[in-house]
Full PDB file with SEQRES, HELIX, SHEET, SSBOND, CRYST1, ORIGX, SCALE, CONECT and MASTER records, all heavy atoms in Angstrom:
SEQRES   1 A   43  ALA ASP SER VAL LYS GLY ARG PHE THR ILE SER ARG GLU          
SEQRES   2 A   43  ASN ALA GLU ASP THR VAL TYR LEU GLN MET ASN SER LEU          
SEQRES   3 A   43  LYS PRO GLU ASP THR ALA VAL TYR TYR CYS TYR ALA GLU          
SEQRES   4 A   43  THR GLU TYR LEU                                              
HELIX    1 AA1 ASP A    2  VAL A    4  5                                   3    
HELIX    2 AA2 ASN A   14  GLU A   16  5                                   3    
HELIX    3 AA3 PRO A   28  ASP A   30  5                                   3    
SHEET    1 AA1 2 PHE A   8  GLU A  13  0                                        
SHEET    2 AA1 2 THR A  18  MET A  23 -1                                        
CRYST1    1.000    1.000    1.000  90.00  90.00  90.00 P 1           1          
ORIGX1      1.000000  0.000000  0.000000        0.00000                         
ORIGX2      0.000000  1.000000  0.000000        0.00000                         
ORIGX3      0.000000  0.000000  1.000000        0.00000                         
SCALE1      1.000000  0.000000  0.000000        0.00000                         
SCALE2      0.000000  1.000000  0.000000        0.00000                         
SCALE3      0.000000  0.000000  1.000000        0.00000                         
ATOM      1  N   ALA A   1       8.940   0.227   0.886  1.00  0.00           N  
ATOM      2  CA  ALA A   1      10.077  -0.368   0.174  1.00  0.00           C  
ATOM      3  C   ALA A   1      10.875   0.749  -0.442  1.00  0.00           C  
ATOM      4  O   ALA A   1      10.287   1.747  -0.913  1.00  0.00           O  
ATOM      5  CB  ALA A   1       9.585  -1.337  -0.861  1.00  0.00           C  
ATOM      6  N   ASP A   2      12.181   0.592  -0.507  1.00  0.00           N  
ATOM      7  CA  ASP A   2      13.017   1.628  -1.107  1.00  0.00           C  
ATOM      8  C   ASP A   2      12.597   1.940  -2.549  1.00  0.00           C  
ATOM      9  O   ASP A   2      12.670   3.078  -2.991  1.00  0.00           O  
ATOM     10  CB  ASP A   2      14.490   1.206  -1.076  1.00  0.00           C  
ATOM     11  CG  ASP A   2      15.072   1.249   0.331  1.00  0.00           C  
ATOM     12  OD1 ASP A   2      14.467   1.936   1.198  1.00  0.00           O  
ATOM     13  OD2 ASP A   2      16.115   0.624   0.554  1.00  0.00           O  
ATOM     14  N   SER A   3      12.141   0.916  -3.261  1.00  0.00           N  
ATOM     15  CA  SER A   3      11.811   1.057  -4.672  1.00  0.00           C  
ATOM     16  C   SER A   3      10.600   1.958  -4.921  1.00  0.00           C  
ATOM     17  O   SER A   3      10.386   2.389  -6.054  1.00  0.00           O  
ATOM     18  CB  SER A   3      11.591  -0.311  -5.306  1.00  0.00           C  
ATOM     19  OG  SER A   3      10.548  -0.969  -4.636  1.00  0.00           O  
ATOM     20  N   VAL A   4       9.763   2.209  -3.894  1.00  0.00           N  
ATOM     21  CA  VAL A   4       8.565   2.978  -4.087  1.00  0.00           C  
ATOM     22  C   VAL A   4       8.573   4.296  -3.287  1.00  0.00           C  
ATOM     23  O   VAL A   4       7.643   5.099  -3.438  1.00  0.00           O  
ATOM     24  CB  VAL A   4       7.274   2.163  -3.712  1.00  0.00           C  
ATOM     25  CG1 VAL A   4       7.253   0.820  -4.467  1.00  0.00           C  
ATOM     26  CG2 VAL A   4       7.173   1.967  -2.202  1.00  0.00           C  
ATOM     27  N   LYS A   5       9.586   4.548  -2.504  1.00  0.00           N  
ATOM     28  CA  LYS A   5       9.655   5.779  -1.690  1.00  0.00           C  
ATOM     29  C   LYS A   5       9.613   6.990  -2.594  1.00  0.00           C  
ATOM     30  O   LYS A   5      10.303   7.050  -3.626  1.00  0.00           O  
ATOM     31  CB  LYS A   5      10.942   5.770  -0.872  1.00  0.00           C  
ATOM     32  CG  LYS A   5      10.891   4.894   0.351  1.00  0.00           C  
ATOM     33  CD  LYS A   5      12.190   4.969   1.162  1.00  0.00           C  
ATOM     34  CE  LYS A   5      12.133   4.073   2.366  1.00  0.00           C  
ATOM     35  NZ  LYS A   5      13.424   4.051   3.129  1.00  0.00           N  
ATOM     36  N   GLY A   6       8.772   7.947  -2.242  1.00  0.00           N  
ATOM     37  CA  GLY A   6       8.640   9.183  -3.009  1.00  0.00           C  
ATOM     38  C   GLY A   6       7.636   9.075  -4.144  1.00  0.00           C  
ATOM     39  O   GLY A   6       7.262  10.084  -4.729  1.00  0.00           O  
ATOM     40  N   ARG A   7       7.149   7.849  -4.414  1.00  0.00           N  
ATOM     41  CA  ARG A   7       6.175   7.655  -5.483  1.00  0.00           C  
ATOM     42  C   ARG A   7       4.857   7.137  -4.961  1.00  0.00           C  
ATOM     43  O   ARG A   7       3.798   7.459  -5.502  1.00  0.00           O  
ATOM     44  CB  ARG A   7       6.729   6.678  -6.562  1.00  0.00           C  
ATOM     45  CG  ARG A   7       8.047   7.145  -7.213  1.00  0.00           C  
ATOM     46  CD  ARG A   7       8.399   6.214  -8.372  1.00  0.00           C  
ATOM     47  NE  ARG A   7       8.665   4.856  -7.938  1.00  0.00           N  
ATOM     48  CZ  ARG A   7       8.030   3.787  -8.399  1.00  0.00           C  
ATOM     49  NH1 ARG A   7       7.048   3.941  -9.296  1.00  0.00           N  
ATOM     50  NH2 ARG A   7       8.320   2.586  -7.962  1.00  0.00           N  
ATOM     51  N   PHE A   8       4.901   6.258  -3.961  1.00  0.00           N  
ATOM     52  CA  PHE A   8       3.687   5.670  -3.403  1.00  0.00           C  
ATOM     53  C   PHE A   8       3.400   6.255  -2.013  1.00  0.00           C  
ATOM     54  O   PHE A   8       4.303   6.587  -1.274  1.00  0.00           O  
ATOM     55  CB  PHE A   8       3.890   4.170  -3.267  1.00  0.00           C  
ATOM     56  CG  PHE A   8       3.917   3.390  -4.516  1.00  0.00           C  
ATOM     57  CD1 PHE A   8       4.085   3.979  -5.777  1.00  0.00           C  
ATOM     58  CD2 PHE A   8       3.898   1.980  -4.498  1.00  0.00           C  
ATOM     59  CE1 PHE A   8       4.133   3.269  -6.939  1.00  0.00           C  
ATOM     60  CE2 PHE A   8       3.946   1.243  -5.673  1.00  0.00           C  
ATOM     61  CZ  PHE A   8       4.089   1.892  -6.876  1.00  0.00           C  
ATOM     62  N   THR A   9       2.089   6.364  -1.703  1.00  0.00           N  
ATOM     63  CA  THR A   9       1.672   6.823  -0.405  1.00  0.00           C  
ATOM     64  C   THR A   9       0.586   5.908   0.145  1.00  0.00           C  
ATOM     65  O   THR A   9      -0.411   5.630  -0.496  1.00  0.00           O  
ATOM     66  CB  THR A   9       1.122   8.233  -0.476  1.00  0.00           C  
ATOM     67  OG1 THR A   9       2.110   9.120  -1.041  1.00  0.00           O  
ATOM     68  CG2 THR A   9       0.730   8.747   0.932  1.00  0.00           C  
ATOM     69  N   ILE A  10       0.830   5.406   1.359  1.00  0.00           N  
ATOM     70  CA  ILE A  10      -0.132   4.572   2.023  1.00  0.00           C  
ATOM     71  C   ILE A  10      -0.903   5.404   3.047  1.00  0.00           C  
ATOM     72  O   ILE A  10      -0.297   6.248   3.707  1.00  0.00           O  
ATOM     73  CB  ILE A  10       0.545   3.344   2.676  1.00  0.00           C  
ATOM     74  CG1 ILE A  10      -0.513   2.354   3.193  1.00  0.00           C  
ATOM     75  CG2 ILE A  10       1.480   3.774   3.782  1.00  0.00           C  
ATOM     76  CD1 ILE A  10       0.085   1.031   3.651  1.00  0.00           C  
ATOM     77  N   SER A  11      -2.180   5.102   3.193  1.00  0.00           N  
ATOM     78  CA  SER A  11      -3.005   5.803   4.193  1.00  0.00           C  
ATOM     79  C   SER A  11      -4.059   4.863   4.698  1.00  0.00           C  
ATOM     80  O   SER A  11      -4.394   3.865   4.025  1.00  0.00           O  
ATOM     81  CB  SER A  11      -3.606   7.108   3.634  1.00  0.00           C  
ATOM     82  OG  SER A  11      -4.427   6.807   2.529  1.00  0.00           O  
ATOM     83  N   ARG A  12      -4.579   5.184   5.889  1.00  0.00           N  
ATOM     84  CA  ARG A  12      -5.581   4.301   6.472  1.00  0.00           C  
ATOM     85  C   ARG A  12      -6.727   5.114   7.095  1.00  0.00           C  
ATOM     86  O   ARG A  12      -6.436   6.115   7.776  1.00  0.00           O  
ATOM     87  CB  ARG A  12      -4.927   3.402   7.515  1.00  0.00           C  
ATOM     88  CG  ARG A  12      -5.905   2.456   8.247  1.00  0.00           C  
ATOM     89  CD  ARG A  12      -5.235   1.582   9.237  1.00  0.00           C  
ATOM     90  NE  ARG A  12      -6.263   0.844   9.992  1.00  0.00           N  
ATOM     91  CZ  ARG A  12      -5.982  -0.039  10.955  1.00  0.00           C  
ATOM     92  NH1 ARG A  12      -4.731  -0.256  11.302  1.00  0.00           N  
ATOM     93  NH2 ARG A  12      -6.942  -0.650  11.570  1.00  0.00           N  
ATOM     94  N   GLU A  13      -7.905   4.652   6.921  1.00  0.00           N  
ATOM     95  CA  GLU A  13      -9.078   5.182   7.642  1.00  0.00           C  
ATOM     96  C   GLU A  13      -9.396   4.211   8.708  1.00  0.00           C  
ATOM     97  O   GLU A  13      -9.986   3.167   8.469  1.00  0.00           O  
ATOM     98  CB  GLU A  13     -10.293   5.326   6.704  1.00  0.00           C  
ATOM     99  CG  GLU A  13     -10.155   6.475   5.730  1.00  0.00           C  
ATOM    100  CD  GLU A  13     -11.415   6.696   4.937  1.00  0.00           C  
ATOM    101  OE1 GLU A  13     -12.486   6.150   5.341  1.00  0.00           O  
ATOM    102  OE2 GLU A  13     -11.365   7.407   3.926  1.00  0.00           O  
ATOM    103  N   ASN A  14      -8.984   4.538   9.945  1.00  0.00           N  
ATOM    104  CA  ASN A  14      -9.107   3.588  11.062  1.00  0.00           C  
ATOM    105  C   ASN A  14     -10.551   3.235  11.355  1.00  0.00           C  
ATOM    106  O   ASN A  14     -10.868   2.093  11.664  1.00  0.00           O  
ATOM    107  CB  ASN A  14      -8.442   4.148  12.305  1.00  0.00           C  
ATOM    108  CG  ASN A  14      -6.937   4.194  12.196  1.00  0.00           C  
ATOM    109  OD1 ASN A  14      -6.325   3.337  11.538  1.00  0.00           O  
ATOM    110  ND2 ASN A  14      -6.319   5.194  12.769  1.00  0.00           N  
ATOM    111  N   ALA A  15     -11.444   4.239  11.256  1.00  0.00           N  
ATOM    112  CA  ALA A  15     -12.813   3.990  11.649  1.00  0.00           C  
ATOM    113  C   ALA A  15     -13.476   2.944  10.721  1.00  0.00           C  
ATOM    114  O   ALA A  15     -14.422   2.290  11.159  1.00  0.00           O  
ATOM    115  CB  ALA A  15     -13.606   5.305  11.548  1.00  0.00           C  
ATOM    116  N   GLU A  16     -12.966   2.809   9.517  1.00  0.00           N  
ATOM    117  CA  GLU A  16     -13.565   1.874   8.571  1.00  0.00           C  
ATOM    118  C   GLU A  16     -12.636   0.710   8.249  1.00  0.00           C  
ATOM    119  O   GLU A  16     -12.940  -0.091   7.376  1.00  0.00           O  
ATOM    120  CB  GLU A  16     -13.969   2.627   7.307  1.00  0.00           C  
ATOM    121  CG  GLU A  16     -15.061   3.671   7.549  1.00  0.00           C  
ATOM    122  CD  GLU A  16     -15.491   4.314   6.282  1.00  0.00           C  
ATOM    123  OE1 GLU A  16     -14.991   3.948   5.230  1.00  0.00           O  
ATOM    124  OE2 GLU A  16     -16.413   5.190   6.346  1.00  0.00           O  
ATOM    125  N   ASP A  17     -11.498   0.611   8.919  1.00  0.00           N  
ATOM    126  CA  ASP A  17     -10.527  -0.424   8.609  1.00  0.00           C  
ATOM    127  C   ASP A  17     -10.292  -0.549   7.117  1.00  0.00           C  
ATOM    128  O   ASP A  17     -10.380  -1.624   6.509  1.00  0.00           O  
ATOM    129  CB  ASP A  17     -11.014  -1.773   9.193  1.00  0.00           C  
ATOM    130  CG  ASP A  17     -10.769  -1.889  10.667  1.00  0.00           C  
ATOM    131  OD1 ASP A  17      -9.846  -1.214  11.187  1.00  0.00           O  
ATOM    132  OD2 ASP A  17     -11.465  -2.679  11.331  1.00  0.00           O  
ATOM    133  N   THR A  18     -10.010   0.595   6.511  1.00  0.00           N  
ATOM    134  CA  THR A  18      -9.691   0.659   5.094  1.00  0.00           C  
ATOM    135  C   THR A  18      -8.316   1.233   4.892  1.00  0.00           C  
ATOM    136  O   THR A  18      -7.912   2.189   5.556  1.00  0.00           O  
ATOM    137  CB  THR A  18     -10.737   1.539   4.380  1.00  0.00           C  
ATOM    138  OG1 THR A  18     -12.065   0.987   4.564  1.00  0.00           O  
ATOM    139  CG2 THR A  18     -10.456   1.593   2.893  1.00  0.00           C  
ATOM    140  N   VAL A  19      -7.557   0.628   3.988  1.00  0.00           N  
ATOM    141  CA  VAL A  19      -6.236   1.132   3.660  1.00  0.00           C  
ATOM    142  C   VAL A  19      -6.145   1.415   2.155  1.00  0.00           C  
ATOM    143  O   VAL A  19      -6.772   0.719   1.357  1.00  0.00           O  
ATOM    144  CB  VAL A  19      -5.153   0.128   4.103  1.00  0.00           C  
ATOM    145  CG1 VAL A  19      -5.219  -1.187   3.313  1.00  0.00           C  
ATOM    146  CG2 VAL A  19      -3.779   0.735   4.039  1.00  0.00           C  
ATOM    147  N   TYR A  20      -5.407   2.487   1.851  1.00  0.00           N  
ATOM    148  CA  TYR A  20      -5.267   2.895   0.488  1.00  0.00           C  
ATOM    149  C   TYR A  20      -3.797   2.920   0.097  1.00  0.00           C  
ATOM    150  O   TYR A  20      -2.921   3.073   0.950  1.00  0.00           O  
ATOM    151  CB  TYR A  20      -5.833   4.305   0.274  1.00  0.00           C  
ATOM    152  CG  TYR A  20      -7.268   4.462   0.682  1.00  0.00           C  
ATOM    153  CD1 TYR A  20      -7.603   4.930   1.954  1.00  0.00           C  
ATOM    154  CD2 TYR A  20      -8.301   4.134  -0.198  1.00  0.00           C  
ATOM    155  CE1 TYR A  20      -8.925   5.059   2.344  1.00  0.00           C  
ATOM    156  CE2 TYR A  20      -9.644   4.245   0.226  1.00  0.00           C  
ATOM    157  CZ  TYR A  20      -9.944   4.728   1.466  1.00  0.00           C  
ATOM    158  OH  TYR A  20     -11.252   4.846   1.831  1.00  0.00           O  
ATOM    159  N   LEU A  21      -3.555   2.766  -1.200  1.00  0.00           N  
ATOM    160  CA  LEU A  21      -2.204   2.880  -1.760  1.00  0.00           C  
ATOM    161  C   LEU A  21      -2.289   3.799  -2.969  1.00  0.00           C  
ATOM    162  O   LEU A  21      -2.809   3.357  -3.985  1.00  0.00           O  
ATOM    163  CB  LEU A  21      -1.568   1.577  -2.064  1.00  0.00           C  
ATOM    164  CG  LEU A  21      -0.108   1.624  -2.488  1.00  0.00           C  
ATOM    165  CD1 LEU A  21       0.795   2.046  -1.314  1.00  0.00           C  
ATOM    166  CD2 LEU A  21       0.376   0.298  -3.068  1.00  0.00           C  
ATOM    167  N   GLN A  22      -1.852   5.012  -2.855  1.00  0.00           N  
ATOM    168  CA  GLN A  22      -1.770   5.937  -3.987  1.00  0.00           C  
ATOM    169  C   GLN A  22      -0.421   5.706  -4.668  1.00  0.00           C  
ATOM    170  O   GLN A  22       0.627   5.872  -4.071  1.00  0.00           O  
ATOM    171  CB  GLN A  22      -1.902   7.380  -3.531  1.00  0.00           C  
ATOM    172  CG  GLN A  22      -1.796   8.412  -4.660  1.00  0.00           C  
ATOM    173  CD  GLN A  22      -2.933   8.307  -5.627  1.00  0.00           C  
ATOM    174  OE1 GLN A  22      -4.097   8.169  -5.215  1.00  0.00           O  
ATOM    175  NE2 GLN A  22      -2.608   8.394  -6.933  1.00  0.00           N  
ATOM    176  N   MET A  23      -0.466   5.342  -5.932  1.00  0.00           N  
ATOM    177  CA  MET A  23       0.743   5.015  -6.662  1.00  0.00           C  
ATOM    178  C   MET A  23       0.892   6.027  -7.789  1.00  0.00           C  
ATOM    179  O   MET A  23       0.032   6.102  -8.743  1.00  0.00           O  
ATOM    180  CB  MET A  23       0.649   3.596  -7.242  1.00  0.00           C  
ATOM    181  CG  MET A  23       0.375   2.544  -6.158  1.00  0.00           C  
ATOM    182  SD  MET A  23       0.422   0.863  -6.799  1.00  0.00           S  
ATOM    183  CE  MET A  23      -1.017   0.877  -7.875  1.00  0.00           C  
ATOM    184  N   ASN A  24       1.955   6.792  -7.766  1.00  0.00           N  
ATOM    185  CA  ASN A  24       2.236   7.821  -8.785  1.00  0.00           C  
ATOM    186  C   ASN A  24       3.542   7.460  -9.486  1.00  0.00           C  
ATOM    187  O   ASN A  24       4.353   6.678  -8.994  1.00  0.00           O  
ATOM    188  CB  ASN A  24       2.338   9.203  -8.151  1.00  0.00           C  
ATOM    189  CG  ASN A  24       1.046   9.648  -7.459  1.00  0.00           C  
ATOM    190  OD1 ASN A  24      -0.062   9.304  -7.908  1.00  0.00           O  
ATOM    191  ND2 ASN A  24       1.205  10.426  -6.414  1.00  0.00           N  
ATOM    192  N   SER A  25       3.755   8.107 -10.642  1.00  0.00           N  
ATOM    193  CA  SER A  25       4.961   7.862 -11.412  1.00  0.00           C  
ATOM    194  C   SER A  25       5.239   6.390 -11.592  1.00  0.00           C  
ATOM    195  O   SER A  25       6.376   5.926 -11.369  1.00  0.00           O  
ATOM    196  CB  SER A  25       6.157   8.589 -10.744  1.00  0.00           C  
ATOM    197  OG  SER A  25       5.920   9.957 -10.586  1.00  0.00           O  
ATOM    198  N   LEU A  26       4.248   5.667 -11.992  1.00  0.00           N  
ATOM    199  CA  LEU A  26       4.378   4.214 -12.095  1.00  0.00           C  
ATOM    200  C   LEU A  26       5.334   3.828 -13.183  1.00  0.00           C  
ATOM    201  O   LEU A  26       5.487   4.512 -14.230  1.00  0.00           O  
ATOM    202  CB  LEU A  26       3.031   3.585 -12.359  1.00  0.00           C  
ATOM    203  CG  LEU A  26       2.113   3.469 -11.126  1.00  0.00           C  
ATOM    204  CD1 LEU A  26       0.662   3.290 -11.521  1.00  0.00           C  
ATOM    205  CD2 LEU A  26       2.591   2.313 -10.266  1.00  0.00           C  
ATOM    206  N   LYS A  27       6.059   2.746 -12.930  1.00  0.00           N  
ATOM    207  CA  LYS A  27       7.079   2.204 -13.812  1.00  0.00           C  
ATOM    208  C   LYS A  27       6.722   0.780 -14.231  1.00  0.00           C  
ATOM    209  O   LYS A  27       6.001   0.086 -13.524  1.00  0.00           O  
ATOM    210  CB  LYS A  27       8.446   2.180 -13.133  1.00  0.00           C  
ATOM    211  CG  LYS A  27       8.895   3.490 -12.553  1.00  0.00           C  
ATOM    212  CD  LYS A  27      10.191   3.330 -11.764  1.00  0.00           C  
ATOM    213  CE  LYS A  27      10.646   4.630 -11.130  1.00  0.00           C  
ATOM    214  NZ  LYS A  27      11.915   4.473 -10.401  1.00  0.00           N  
ATOM    215  N   PRO A  28       7.189   0.331 -15.393  1.00  0.00           N  
ATOM    216  CA  PRO A  28       6.876  -1.055 -15.778  1.00  0.00           C  
ATOM    217  C   PRO A  28       7.295  -2.069 -14.714  1.00  0.00           C  
ATOM    218  O   PRO A  28       6.594  -3.078 -14.567  1.00  0.00           O  
ATOM    219  CB  PRO A  28       7.714  -1.218 -17.065  1.00  0.00           C  
ATOM    220  CG  PRO A  28       7.792   0.159 -17.631  1.00  0.00           C  
ATOM    221  CD  PRO A  28       7.905   1.064 -16.450  1.00  0.00           C  
ATOM    222  N   GLU A  29       8.322  -1.794 -13.979  1.00  0.00           N  
ATOM    223  CA  GLU A  29       8.750  -2.739 -12.941  1.00  0.00           C  
ATOM    224  C   GLU A  29       7.821  -2.739 -11.724  1.00  0.00           C  
ATOM    225  O   GLU A  29       7.978  -3.574 -10.814  1.00  0.00           O  
ATOM    226  CB  GLU A  29      10.189  -2.447 -12.492  1.00  0.00           C  
ATOM    227  CG  GLU A  29      10.456  -1.030 -12.096  1.00  0.00           C  
ATOM    228  CD  GLU A  29      11.046  -0.214 -13.257  1.00  0.00           C  
ATOM    229  OE1 GLU A  29      10.633  -0.354 -14.405  1.00  0.00           O  
ATOM    230  OE2 GLU A  29      12.013   0.583 -12.948  1.00  0.00           O  
ATOM    231  N   ASP A  30       6.827  -1.887 -11.696  1.00  0.00           N  
ATOM    232  CA  ASP A  30       5.800  -1.958 -10.664  1.00  0.00           C  
ATOM    233  C   ASP A  30       4.729  -2.969 -10.992  1.00  0.00           C  
ATOM    234  O   ASP A  30       3.823  -3.215 -10.186  1.00  0.00           O  
ATOM    235  CB  ASP A  30       5.171  -0.551 -10.453  1.00  0.00           C  
ATOM    236  CG  ASP A  30       6.121   0.458  -9.892  1.00  0.00           C  
ATOM    237  OD1 ASP A  30       6.911   0.121  -8.985  1.00  0.00           O  
ATOM    238  OD2 ASP A  30       6.091   1.625 -10.410  1.00  0.00           O  
ATOM    239  N   THR A  31       4.737  -3.501 -12.207  1.00  0.00           N  
ATOM    240  CA  THR A  31       3.785  -4.497 -12.614  1.00  0.00           C  
ATOM    241  C   THR A  31       3.840  -5.716 -11.709  1.00  0.00           C  
ATOM    242  O   THR A  31       4.893  -6.312 -11.487  1.00  0.00           O  
ATOM    243  CB  THR A  31       3.995  -4.933 -14.071  1.00  0.00           C  
ATOM    244  OG1 THR A  31       3.799  -3.808 -14.936  1.00  0.00           O  
ATOM    245  CG2 THR A  31       3.090  -6.084 -14.459  1.00  0.00           C  
ATOM    246  N   ALA A  32       2.677  -6.040 -11.117  1.00  0.00           N  
ATOM    247  CA  ALA A  32       2.584  -7.145 -10.134  1.00  0.00           C  
ATOM    248  C   ALA A  32       1.154  -7.333  -9.699  1.00  0.00           C  
ATOM    249  O   ALA A  32       0.307  -6.508  -9.990  1.00  0.00           O  
ATOM    250  CB  ALA A  32       3.477  -6.856  -8.953  1.00  0.00           C  
ATOM    251  N   VAL A  33       0.923  -8.428  -9.016  1.00  0.00           N  
ATOM    252  CA  VAL A  33      -0.328  -8.587  -8.248  1.00  0.00           C  
ATOM    253  C   VAL A  33      -0.091  -7.978  -6.890  1.00  0.00           C  
ATOM    254  O   VAL A  33       0.860  -8.354  -6.189  1.00  0.00           O  
ATOM    255  CB  VAL A  33      -0.732 -10.037  -8.133  1.00  0.00           C  
ATOM    256  CG1 VAL A  33      -2.005 -10.167  -7.287  1.00  0.00           C  
ATOM    257  CG2 VAL A  33      -0.965 -10.658  -9.523  1.00  0.00           C  
ATOM    258  N   TYR A  34      -0.957  -7.038  -6.518  1.00  0.00           N  
ATOM    259  CA  TYR A  34      -0.827  -6.370  -5.226  1.00  0.00           C  
ATOM    260  C   TYR A  34      -1.830  -6.967  -4.242  1.00  0.00           C  
ATOM    261  O   TYR A  34      -3.022  -7.098  -4.547  1.00  0.00           O  
ATOM    262  CB  TYR A  34      -1.116  -4.885  -5.431  1.00  0.00           C  
ATOM    263  CG  TYR A  34       0.075  -4.142  -6.052  1.00  0.00           C  
ATOM    264  CD1 TYR A  34       0.400  -4.330  -7.411  1.00  0.00           C  
ATOM    265  CD2 TYR A  34       0.849  -3.265  -5.324  1.00  0.00           C  
ATOM    266  CE1 TYR A  34       1.481  -3.714  -7.990  1.00  0.00           C  
ATOM    267  CE2 TYR A  34       1.924  -2.611  -5.894  1.00  0.00           C  
ATOM    268  CZ  TYR A  34       2.234  -2.842  -7.214  1.00  0.00           C  
ATOM    269  OH  TYR A  34       3.301  -2.221  -7.805  1.00  0.00           O  
ATOM    270  N   TYR A  35      -1.301  -7.316  -3.078  1.00  0.00           N  
ATOM    271  CA  TYR A  35      -2.093  -7.984  -2.053  1.00  0.00           C  
ATOM    272  C   TYR A  35      -2.210  -7.083  -0.825  1.00  0.00           C  
ATOM    273  O   TYR A  35      -1.235  -6.538  -0.329  1.00  0.00           O  
ATOM    274  CB  TYR A  35      -1.432  -9.289  -1.608  1.00  0.00           C  
ATOM    275  CG  TYR A  35      -1.375 -10.328  -2.686  1.00  0.00           C  
ATOM    276  CD1 TYR A  35      -0.266 -10.445  -3.525  1.00  0.00           C  
ATOM    277  CD2 TYR A  35      -2.432 -11.222  -2.863  1.00  0.00           C  
ATOM    278  CE1 TYR A  35      -0.200 -11.400  -4.505  1.00  0.00           C  
ATOM    279  CE2 TYR A  35      -2.377 -12.209  -3.866  1.00  0.00           C  
ATOM    280  CZ  TYR A  35      -1.243 -12.272  -4.656  1.00  0.00           C  
ATOM    281  OH  TYR A  35      -1.217 -13.259  -5.625  1.00  0.00           O  
ATOM    282  N   CYS A  36      -3.427  -6.935  -0.357  1.00  0.00           N  
ATOM    283  CA  CYS A  36      -3.664  -6.257   0.912  1.00  0.00           C  
ATOM    284  C   CYS A  36      -3.367  -7.222   2.072  1.00  0.00           C  
ATOM    285  O   CYS A  36      -3.619  -8.426   1.986  1.00  0.00           O  
ATOM    286  CB  CYS A  36      -5.133  -5.825   0.966  1.00  0.00           C  
ATOM    287  SG  CYS A  36      -5.566  -4.887   2.461  1.00  0.00           S  
ATOM    288  N   TYR A  37      -2.823  -6.657   3.126  1.00  0.00           N  
ATOM    289  CA  TYR A  37      -2.426  -7.467   4.303  1.00  0.00           C  
ATOM    290  C   TYR A  37      -2.932  -6.781   5.566  1.00  0.00           C  
ATOM    291  O   TYR A  37      -2.980  -5.553   5.668  1.00  0.00           O  
ATOM    292  CB  TYR A  37      -0.905  -7.539   4.369  1.00  0.00           C  
ATOM    293  CG  TYR A  37      -0.350  -8.065   5.656  1.00  0.00           C  
ATOM    294  CD1 TYR A  37      -0.217  -9.440   5.857  1.00  0.00           C  
ATOM    295  CD2 TYR A  37       0.050  -7.207   6.691  1.00  0.00           C  
ATOM    296  CE1 TYR A  37       0.304  -9.938   7.066  1.00  0.00           C  
ATOM    297  CE2 TYR A  37       0.559  -7.696   7.878  1.00  0.00           C  
ATOM    298  CZ  TYR A  37       0.689  -9.046   8.041  1.00  0.00           C  
ATOM    299  OH  TYR A  37       1.183  -9.514   9.250  1.00  0.00           O  
ATOM    300  N   ALA A  38      -3.366  -7.623   6.511  1.00  0.00           N  
ATOM    301  CA  ALA A  38      -3.777  -7.122   7.801  1.00  0.00           C  
ATOM    302  C   ALA A  38      -3.325  -8.052   8.920  1.00  0.00           C  
ATOM    303  O   ALA A  38      -3.285  -9.268   8.729  1.00  0.00           O  
ATOM    304  CB  ALA A  38      -5.296  -6.913   7.857  1.00  0.00           C  
ATOM    305  N   GLU A  39      -3.038  -7.482  10.050  1.00  0.00           N  
ATOM    306  CA  GLU A  39      -2.707  -8.267  11.241  1.00  0.00           C  
ATOM    307  C   GLU A  39      -3.620  -7.793  12.357  1.00  0.00           C  
ATOM    308  O   GLU A  39      -3.649  -6.576  12.667  1.00  0.00           O  
ATOM    309  CB  GLU A  39      -1.258  -8.105  11.616  1.00  0.00           C  
ATOM    310  CG  GLU A  39      -0.843  -8.945  12.826  1.00  0.00           C  
ATOM    311  CD  GLU A  39       0.604  -8.683  13.205  1.00  0.00           C  
ATOM    312  OE1 GLU A  39       1.485  -9.126  12.536  1.00  0.00           O  
ATOM    313  OE2 GLU A  39       0.790  -8.008  14.261  1.00  0.00           O  
ATOM    314  N   THR A  40      -4.333  -8.704  12.958  1.00  0.00           N  
ATOM    315  CA  THR A  40      -5.266  -8.336  14.004  1.00  0.00           C  
ATOM    316  C   THR A  40      -4.619  -8.488  15.392  1.00  0.00           C  
ATOM    317  O   THR A  40      -3.505  -8.972  15.537  1.00  0.00           O  
ATOM    318  CB  THR A  40      -6.516  -9.237  13.968  1.00  0.00           C  
ATOM    319  OG1 THR A  40      -6.150 -10.536  14.457  1.00  0.00           O  
ATOM    320  CG2 THR A  40      -7.058  -9.380  12.549  1.00  0.00           C  
ATOM    321  N   GLU A  41      -5.324  -8.031  16.371  1.00  0.00           N  
ATOM    322  CA  GLU A  41      -4.984  -8.430  17.742  1.00  0.00           C  
ATOM    323  C   GLU A  41      -4.950  -9.924  17.736  1.00  0.00           C  
ATOM    324  O   GLU A  41      -5.597 -10.570  16.936  1.00  0.00           O  
ATOM    325  CB  GLU A  41      -6.016  -7.883  18.719  1.00  0.00           C  
ATOM    326  CG  GLU A  41      -7.433  -8.328  18.433  1.00  0.00           C  
ATOM    327  CD  GLU A  41      -8.418  -7.717  19.414  1.00  0.00           C  
ATOM    328  OE1 GLU A  41      -8.028  -7.292  20.498  1.00  0.00           O  
ATOM    329  OE2 GLU A  41      -9.622  -7.658  19.029  1.00  0.00           O  
ATOM    330  N   TYR A  42      -4.229 -10.525  18.618  1.00  0.00           N  
ATOM    331  CA  TYR A  42      -3.966 -11.970  18.661  1.00  0.00           C  
ATOM    332  C   TYR A  42      -3.047 -12.435  17.501  1.00  0.00           C  
ATOM    333  O   TYR A  42      -2.914 -13.615  17.273  1.00  0.00           O  
ATOM    334  CB  TYR A  42      -5.278 -12.798  18.621  1.00  0.00           C  
ATOM    335  CG  TYR A  42      -6.346 -12.313  19.560  1.00  0.00           C  
ATOM    336  CD1 TYR A  42      -7.563 -11.886  19.085  1.00  0.00           C  
ATOM    337  CD2 TYR A  42      -6.100 -12.216  20.912  1.00  0.00           C  
ATOM    338  CE1 TYR A  42      -8.523 -11.379  19.958  1.00  0.00           C  
ATOM    339  CE2 TYR A  42      -7.056 -11.745  21.780  1.00  0.00           C  
ATOM    340  CZ  TYR A  42      -8.265 -11.306  21.298  1.00  0.00           C  
ATOM    341  OH  TYR A  42      -9.226 -10.831  22.133  1.00  0.00           O  
ATOM    342  N   LEU A  43      -2.505 -11.440  16.744  1.00  0.00           N  
ATOM    343  CA  LEU A  43      -1.477 -11.725  15.725  1.00  0.00           C  
ATOM    344  C   LEU A  43      -2.001 -12.587  14.600  1.00  0.00           C  
ATOM    345  O   LEU A  43      -1.256 -13.371  13.970  1.00  0.00           O  
ATOM    346  CB  LEU A  43      -0.235 -12.348  16.355  1.00  0.00           C  
ATOM    347  CG  LEU A  43       0.394 -11.524  17.500  1.00  0.00           C  
ATOM    348  CD1 LEU A  43       1.671 -12.225  17.981  1.00  0.00           C  
ATOM    349  CD2 LEU A  43       0.698 -10.107  17.058  1.00  0.00           C  
TER     350      LEU A  43                                                      
MASTER        0    0    0    3    2    0    0    6  349    1    0    4          
END                                                                             
């Protein structure tokens, strides 16, 4: 999202199907419930 570019970094460990979100320079407007999302084969 434009609002997080340069501050957040997403990464994934494929072997373990794990995804990370490193969030730096956090702002009060980043306050929210954060949900992980996945889409499998077969959509």
